[in-house]
């Protein structure tokens, strides 16, 4: 999957202390599931899951879920 570098650069410029940690990734055909943590600054962050659908090798949709606890 190709990621647009300009989008990542804009996010990093606006939130320089934002950190992503990928714990597990599972892919099958046109679906990808990613589980990890997102944090900013001293906040330890919480578990986040993302479900991504691909069409013709490009992202076509995404759901993000975050634990409330």
Foldseek 3Di string as FASTA:
>chain_A
DDDDPVVVVVVCVVQVQKDWDWDDWDDDDFKIKTWTFIDGDPPPGFIKIKIFGDDPRHTDDMDMDTDPD
